[in-house]
């Protein structure tokens, strides 16, 4: 194989892997391959608080490793991941309403209409709570643009 073909193959492979990595990160909010920084997404619903997951109780979904604080929570997630996964791939809901992918503070969350919304900080969550319906409508539109890549 000549040098030009090898270089072209490397460029194509690199682009494809980066695109897949971006898609996975967009859909799951992965940071270092752990969804929600390793926090138990089911616990937000069952305990109404952020609970650190156990590194030994995990599952993979959409390219991310999800940690759980109990086998029961893991089973609930495996049975219905869309029900428990945070909105906007685990990125800040307020920032998403502005078309931006921003990390979160795992303690800054809201459950609304059976869905988990995470925010960058507790103060940002307060801003978001001033008009959650409006921000959700905007964020839904912005997120849809990104996941269609």
C-alpha atoms as a PDB file:
ATOM      1  CA  UNK A   1       0.000   0.000   0.000  1.00  0.00           C
ATOM      2  CA  UNK A   2       1.491   3.332  -0.952  1.00  0.00           C
ATOM      3  CA  UNK A   3       1.861   6.238   1.461  1.00  0.00           C
ATOM      4  CA  UNK A   4      -1.036   8.293   0.025  1.00  0.00           C
ATOM      5  CA  UNK A   5      -3.512   5.422   0.442  1.00  0.00           C
ATOM      6  CA  UNK A   6      -2.305   4.733   3.971  1.00  0.00           C
ATOM      7  CA  UNK A   7      -2.683   8.395   4.876  1.00  0.00           C
ATOM      8  CA  UNK A   8      -6.193   8.504   3.390  1.00  0.00           C
ATOM      9  CA  UNK A   9      -7.176   5.379   5.340  1.00  0.00           C
ATOM     10  CA  UNK A  10      -5.914   6.916   8.581  1.00  0.00           C
ATOM     11  CA  UNK A  11      -7.843  10.144   7.973  1.00  0.00           C
ATOM     12  CA  UNK A  12     -11.086   8.295   7.198  1.00  0.00           C
ATOM     13  CA  UNK A  13     -10.725   5.995  10.214  1.00  0.00           C
ATOM     14  CA  UNK A  14      -9.942   8.907  12.522  1.00  0.00           C
ATOM     15  CA  UNK A  15     -12.951  10.874  11.282  1.00  0.00           C
ATOM     16  CA  UNK A  16     -15.271   7.879  11.701  1.00  0.00           C
ATOM     17  CA  UNK A  17     -14.078   7.128  15.233  1.00  0.00           C
ATOM     18  CA  UNK A  18     -14.351  10.784  16.268  1.00  0.00           C
ATOM     19  CA  UNK A  19     -17.871  10.995  14.855  1.00  0.00           C
ATOM     20  CA  UNK A  20     -18.937   7.856  16.741  1.00  0.00           C
ATOM     21  CA  UNK A  21     -17.339   9.105  19.957  1.00  0.00           C
ATOM     22  CA  UNK A  22     -19.149  12.442  19.575  1.00  0.00           C
ATOM     23  CA  UNK A  23     -22.470  10.695  18.946  1.00  0.00           C
ATOM     24  CA  UNK A  24     -22.057   8.522  22.051  1.00  0.00           C
ATOM     25  CA  UNK A  25     -21.063  11.495  24.208  1.00  0.00           C
ATOM     26  CA  UNK A  26     -24.011  13.527  22.930  1.00  0.00           C
ATOM     27  CA  UNK A  27     -26.464  10.741  23.662  1.00  0.00           C
ATOM     28  CA  UNK A  28     -25.158   9.741  27.087  1.00  0.00           C
ATOM     29  CA  UNK A  29     -23.251  12.646  28.544  1.00  0.00           C
ATOM     30  CA  UNK A  30     -20.217  10.463  28.956  1.00  0.00           C
ATOM     31  CA  UNK A  31     -17.138  11.896  30.523  1.00  0.00           C
ATOM     32  CA  UNK A  32     -14.271   9.399  30.773  1.00  0.00           C
ATOM     33  CA  UNK A  33     -16.775   6.783  29.512  1.00  0.00           C
ATOM     34  CA  UNK A  34     -18.876   6.987  32.712  1.00  0.00           C
ATOM     35  CA  UNK A  35     -22.417   8.262  32.319  1.00  0.00           C
ATOM     36  CA  UNK A  36     -23.293  11.005  34.829  1.00  0.00           C
ATOM     37  CA  UNK A  37     -19.756  10.860  36.281  1.00  0.00           C
ATOM     38  CA  UNK A  38     -20.516   7.388  37.647  1.00  0.00           C
ATOM     39  CA  UNK A  39     -23.655   8.376  39.555  1.00  0.00           C
ATOM     40  CA  UNK A  40     -26.680   6.064  39.707  1.00  0.00           C
ATOM     41  CA  UNK A  41     -29.305   7.446  37.323  1.00  0.00           C
ATOM     42  CA  UNK A  42     -32.066   5.287  38.842  1.00  0.00           C
ATOM     43  CA  UNK A  43     -31.401   6.658  42.349  1.00  0.00           C
ATOM     44  CA  UNK A  44     -32.510  10.103  41.211  1.00  0.00           C
ATOM     45  CA  UNK A  45     -35.979   8.600  40.786  1.00  0.00           C
ATOM     46  CA  UNK A  46     -36.041   6.147  43.702  1.00  0.00           C
ATOM     47  CA  UNK A  47     -34.202   8.217  46.346  1.00  0.00           C
ATOM     48  CA  UNK A  48     -34.632  11.741  44.944  1.00  0.00           C
ATOM     49  CA  UNK A  49     -30.929  12.442  45.351  1.00  0.00           C
ATOM     50  CA  UNK A  50     -27.592  11.941  43.646  1.00  0.00           C
ATOM     51  CA  UNK A  51     -26.057   8.642  44.729  1.00  0.00           C
ATOM     52  CA  UNK A  52     -22.605   7.517  43.647  1.00  0.00           C
ATOM     53  CA  UNK A  53     -22.714   4.235  41.750  1.00  0.00           C
ATOM     54  CA  UNK A  54     -20.654   1.186  42.584  1.00  0.00           C
ATOM     55  CA  UNK A  55     -17.867   0.417  40.082  1.00  0.00           C
ATOM     56  CA  UNK A  56     -18.741  -3.280  40.417  1.00  0.00           C
ATOM     57  CA  UNK A  57     -22.425  -2.836  39.511  1.00  0.00           C
ATOM     58  CA  UNK A  58     -22.431  -1.613  35.924  1.00  0.00           C
ATOM     59  CA  UNK A  59     -23.924  -2.021  32.506  1.00  0.00           C
ATOM     60  CA  UNK A  60     -23.119  -0.609  29.077  1.00  0.00           C
ATOM     61  CA  UNK A  61     -25.643   1.375  27.105  1.00  0.00           C
ATOM     62  CA  UNK A  62     -25.111   3.705  24.126  1.00  0.00           C
ATOM     63  CA  UNK A  63     -21.360   3.532  24.389  1.00  0.00           C
ATOM     64  CA  UNK A  64     -21.170   4.478  28.065  1.00  0.00           C
ATOM     65  CA  UNK A  65     -20.631   2.602  31.290  1.00  0.00           C
ATOM     66  CA  UNK A  66     -23.474   3.195  33.760  1.00  0.00           C
ATOM     67  CA  UNK A  67     -22.854   2.659  37.485  1.00  0.00           C
ATOM     68  CA  UNK A  68     -25.514   1.747  40.037  1.00  0.00           C
ATOM     69  CA  UNK A  69     -25.691   1.727  43.808  1.00  0.00           C
ATOM     70  CA  UNK A  70     -27.583  -1.584  43.856  1.00  0.00           C
ATOM     71  CA  UNK A  71     -28.374  -4.595  41.703  1.00  0.00           C
ATOM     72  CA  UNK A  72     -32.061  -3.605  41.918  1.00  0.00           C
ATOM     73  CA  UNK A  73     -31.347  -0.222  40.353  1.00  0.00           C
ATOM     74  CA  UNK A  74     -29.271  -1.845  37.649  1.00  0.00           C
ATOM     75  CA  UNK A  75     -32.138  -4.237  36.849  1.00  0.00           C
ATOM     76  CA  UNK A  76     -34.599  -1.335  36.608  1.00  0.00           C
ATOM     77  CA  UNK A  77     -32.294   0.492  34.207  1.00  0.00           C
ATOM     78  CA  UNK A  78     -31.585  -2.553  32.046  1.00  0.00           C
ATOM     79  CA  UNK A  79     -35.338  -3.195  31.729  1.00  0.00           C
ATOM     80  CA  UNK A  80     -36.046   0.389  30.615  1.00  0.00           C
ATOM     81  CA  UNK A  81     -32.977   2.579  30.044  1.00  0.00           C
ATOM     82  CA  UNK A  82     -34.893   5.360  28.244  1.00  0.00           C
ATOM     83  CA  UNK A  83     -37.078   5.788  31.332  1.00  0.00           C
ATOM     84  CA  UNK A  84     -34.102   6.485  33.600  1.00  0.00           C
ATOM     85  CA  UNK A  85     -31.505   8.059  31.330  1.00  0.00           C
ATOM     86  CA  UNK A  86     -31.174  11.821  31.776  1.00  0.00           C
ATOM     87  CA  UNK A  87     -32.465  14.139  29.103  1.00  0.00           C
ATOM     88  CA  UNK A  88     -30.081  15.661  26.549  1.00  0.00           C
ATOM     89  CA  UNK A  89     -27.530  12.923  27.015  1.00  0.00           C
ATOM     90  CA  UNK A  90     -26.868  13.998  30.590  1.00  0.00           C
ATOM     91  CA  UNK A  91     -25.746  17.500  29.622  1.00  0.00           C
ATOM     92  CA  UNK A  92     -27.014  20.650  31.321  1.00  0.00           C
ATOM     93  CA  UNK A  93     -30.665  21.202  30.353  1.00  0.00           C
ATOM     94  CA  UNK A  94     -30.407  24.991  30.685  1.00  0.00           C
ATOM     95  CA  UNK A  95     -27.307  25.193  28.467  1.00  0.00           C
ATOM     96  CA  UNK A  96     -28.917  22.849  25.947  1.00  0.00           C
ATOM     97  CA  UNK A  97     -31.756  25.365  25.543  1.00  0.00           C
ATOM     98  CA  UNK A  98     -29.039  27.640  24.151  1.00  0.00           C
ATOM     99  CA  UNK A  99     -27.569  24.928  21.939  1.00  0.00           C
ATOM    100  CA  UNK A 100     -24.540  24.275  24.143  1.00  0.00           C
ATOM    101  CA  UNK A 101     -23.176  21.019  25.536  1.00  0.00           C
ATOM    102  CA  UNK A 102     -22.109  21.714  29.100  1.00  0.00           C
ATOM    103  CA  UNK A 103     -21.212  19.350  31.937  1.00  0.00           C
ATOM    104  CA  UNK A 104     -23.249  19.053  35.099  1.00  0.00           C
ATOM    105  CA  UNK A 105     -23.166  19.071  38.872  1.00  0.00           C
ATOM    106  CA  UNK A 106     -24.677  15.700  39.731  1.00  0.00           C
ATOM    107  CA  UNK A 107     -26.508  17.293  42.698  1.00  0.00           C
ATOM    108  CA  UNK A 108     -28.219  19.924  40.489  1.00  0.00           C
ATOM    109  CA  UNK A 109     -31.164  17.988  39.103  1.00  0.00           C
ATOM    110  CA  UNK A 110     -34.910  18.093  38.614  1.00  0.00           C
ATOM    111  CA  UNK A 111     -37.372  15.347  37.826  1.00  0.00           C
ATOM    112  CA  UNK A 112     -40.226  16.732  35.787  1.00  0.00           C
ATOM    113  CA  UNK A 113     -42.994  14.708  34.136  1.00  0.00           C
ATOM    114  CA  UNK A 114     -41.047  11.510  34.833  1.00  0.00           C
ATOM    115  CA  UNK A 115     -37.856  12.773  33.175  1.00  0.00           C
ATOM    116  CA  UNK A 116     -34.473  13.572  34.687  1.00  0.00           C
ATOM    117  CA  UNK A 117     -32.959  16.969  33.877  1.00  0.00           C
ATOM    118  CA  UNK A 118     -29.436  17.814  35.026  1.00  0.00           C
ATOM    119  CA  UNK A 119     -27.879  21.260  35.333  1.00  0.00           C
ATOM    120  CA  UNK A 120     -24.410  22.759  35.459  1.00  0.00           C
ATOM    121  CA  UNK A 121     -24.856  23.973  39.045  1.00  0.00           C
ATOM    122  CA  UNK A 122     -27.536  24.553  41.655  1.00  0.00           C
ATOM    123  CA  UNK A 123     -27.653  28.258  40.767  1.00  0.00           C
ATOM    124  CA  UNK A 124     -28.152  27.396  37.081  1.00  0.00           C
ATOM    125  CA  UNK A 125     -30.903  24.985  38.136  1.00  0.00           C
ATOM    126  CA  UNK A 126     -32.646  27.897  39.874  1.00  0.00           C
ATOM    127  CA  UNK A 127     -32.520  29.888  36.629  1.00  0.00           C
ATOM    128  CA  UNK A 128     -33.822  26.873  34.704  1.00  0.00           C
ATOM    129  CA  UNK A 129     -36.704  26.437  37.152  1.00  0.00           C
ATOM    130  CA  UNK A 130     -37.959  29.959  36.358  1.00  0.00           C
ATOM    131  CA  UNK A 131     -39.356  28.648  33.039  1.00  0.00           C
ATOM    132  CA  UNK A 132     -38.719  24.918  32.702  1.00  0.00           C
ATOM    133  CA  UNK A 133     -41.369  24.369  30.032  1.00  0.00           C
ATOM    134  CA  UNK A 134     -39.917  27.106  27.847  1.00  0.00           C
ATOM    135  CA  UNK A 135     -36.364  25.850  28.330  1.00  0.00           C
ATOM    136  CA  UNK A 136     -37.424  22.256  27.643  1.00  0.00           C
ATOM    137  CA  UNK A 137     -39.056  23.280  24.356  1.00  0.00           C
ATOM    138  CA  UNK A 138     -35.906  25.118  23.268  1.00  0.00           C
ATOM    139  CA  UNK A 139     -33.579  22.366  24.483  1.00  0.00           C
ATOM    140  CA  UNK A 140     -35.585  19.678  22.676  1.00  0.00           C
ATOM    141  CA  UNK A 141     -35.119  21.572  19.407  1.00  0.00           C
ATOM    142  CA  UNK A 142     -31.400  22.211  19.948  1.00  0.00           C
ATOM    143  CA  UNK A 143     -30.672  18.639  21.030  1.00  0.00           C
ATOM    144  CA  UNK A 144     -32.551  17.200  18.042  1.00  0.00           C
ATOM    145  CA  UNK A 145     -30.260  19.219  15.739  1.00  0.00           C
ATOM    146  CA  UNK A 146     -27.180  17.662  17.309  1.00  0.00           C
ATOM    147  CA  UNK A 147     -28.260  14.028  17.485  1.00  0.00           C
ATOM    148  CA  UNK A 148     -29.117  14.057  13.788  1.00  0.00           C
ATOM    149  CA  UNK A 149     -25.467  14.951  13.015  1.00  0.00           C
END
